[in-house]
Structure formats: C-alpha cells, structure tokens
Amino acid sequence: MKFEERPLTKKQMESIRKRANKFDGGSHWGYK
C-alpha cells in the first residue's frame, strides 16, 4: 500500500493510524 501518491487529509491519517495500530502497533507505518 502506498499513501504517498495522494495527499491525505487529517481524517484519513487518523483512520490509517488507528487501523495500523490495530494490526501491528503501527510500527509498519512509522506511527507511535
């Protein structure tokens, strides 16, 4: 999955972060 190709709104970033945190603590996405 590549998200850099399109600009993200803050809402999208939040949902992505939540989803990533659910799967692997967000480490894959670089979120903390």
N, C-alpha and C. Protein backbone atom coordinates (compact mmCIF):
# COMPACT_ATOMS: atom_id res chain seq x y z
N MET A 1 0.85 -1.20 0.00
CA MET A 1 0.00 0.00 0.00
C MET A 1 0.87 1.24 0.00
N LYS A 2 0.55 2.14 -0.88
CA LYS A 2 1.31 3.40 -0.94
C LYS A 2 0.36 4.57 -0.76
N PHE A 3 0.62 5.38 0.25
CA PHE A 3 -0.26 6.51 0.50
C PHE A 3 0.41 7.81 0.07
N GLU A 4 1.70 7.73 -0.30
CA GLU A 4 2.41 8.95 -0.66
C GLU A 4 1.90 9.49 -1.99
N GLU A 5 1.28 8.62 -2.79
CA GLU A 5 0.89 9.03 -4.14
C GLU A 5 -0.20 10.10 -4.11
N ARG A 6 -1.01 10.09 -3.05
CA ARG A 6 -2.06 11.11 -2.98
C ARG A 6 -2.02 11.77 -1.61
N PRO A 7 -2.25 13.08 -1.56
CA PRO A 7 -2.25 13.79 -0.27
C PRO A 7 -3.37 13.28 0.62
N LEU A 8 -3.08 13.18 1.90
CA LEU A 8 -4.06 12.66 2.85
C LEU A 8 -4.60 13.78 3.72
N THR A 9 -5.89 13.67 4.00
CA THR A 9 -6.46 14.62 4.95
C THR A 9 -6.16 14.13 6.35
N LYS A 10 -6.34 15.00 7.32
CA LYS A 10 -6.04 14.60 8.70
C LYS A 10 -6.94 13.44 9.12
N LYS A 11 -8.17 13.46 8.64
CA LYS A 11 -9.11 12.38 9.00
C LYS A 11 -8.59 11.05 8.48
N GLN A 12 -8.11 11.03 7.23
CA GLN A 12 -7.61 9.79 6.65
C GLN A 12 -6.38 9.30 7.43
N MET A 13 -5.52 10.25 7.79
CA MET A 13 -4.32 9.87 8.55
C MET A 13 -4.72 9.22 9.87
N GLU A 14 -5.73 9.80 10.52
CA GLU A 14 -6.17 9.26 11.80
C GLU A 14 -6.68 7.83 11.63
N SER A 15 -7.52 7.61 10.63
CA SER A 15 -8.09 6.27 10.44
C SER A 15 -6.99 5.28 10.08
N ILE A 16 -6.05 5.70 9.25
CA ILE A 16 -4.94 4.82 8.88
C ILE A 16 -4.13 4.47 10.12
N ARG A 17 -3.88 5.49 10.94
CA ARG A 17 -3.09 5.25 12.14
C ARG A 17 -3.82 4.25 13.04
N LYS A 18 -5.12 4.45 13.21
CA LYS A 18 -5.89 3.54 14.07
C LYS A 18 -5.85 2.12 13.52
N ARG A 19 -6.02 2.01 12.20
CA ARG A 19 -6.02 0.69 11.58
C ARG A 19 -4.65 0.03 11.77
N ALA A 20 -3.59 0.79 11.54
CA ALA A 20 -2.24 0.25 11.66
C ALA A 20 -1.98 -0.18 13.10
N ASN A 21 -2.41 0.65 14.03
CA ASN A 21 -2.20 0.32 15.44
C ASN A 21 -2.89 -0.99 15.78
N LYS A 22 -4.06 -1.20 15.18
CA LYS A 22 -4.81 -2.42 15.46
C LYS A 22 -4.01 -3.64 14.97
N PHE A 23 -3.37 -3.50 13.82
CA PHE A 23 -2.72 -4.67 13.21
C PHE A 23 -1.37 -4.96 13.84
N ASP A 24 -0.50 -3.95 13.88
CA ASP A 24 0.87 -4.25 14.36
C ASP A 24 1.45 -3.09 15.17
N GLY A 25 0.62 -2.44 15.92
CA GLY A 25 1.13 -1.36 16.76
C GLY A 25 1.58 -0.16 15.96
N GLY A 26 1.30 -0.16 14.66
CA GLY A 26 1.64 0.99 13.84
C GLY A 26 3.11 1.04 13.48
N SER A 27 3.89 0.03 13.89
CA SER A 27 5.33 0.07 13.62
C SER A 27 5.58 0.05 12.11
N HIS A 28 4.74 -0.67 11.38
CA HIS A 28 4.92 -0.78 9.93
C HIS A 28 4.74 0.58 9.25
N TRP A 29 3.91 1.43 9.85
CA TRP A 29 3.62 2.72 9.24
C TRP A 29 4.52 3.82 9.79
N GLY A 30 5.28 3.49 10.82
CA GLY A 30 6.15 4.51 11.39
C GLY A 30 5.41 5.41 12.36
N TYR A 31 4.24 4.97 12.80
CA TYR A 31 3.49 5.76 13.78
C TYR A 31 3.78 5.27 15.18
N LYS A 32 3.59 6.14 16.15
CA LYS A 32 3.78 5.69 17.55
C LYS A 32 2.53 5.99 18.34
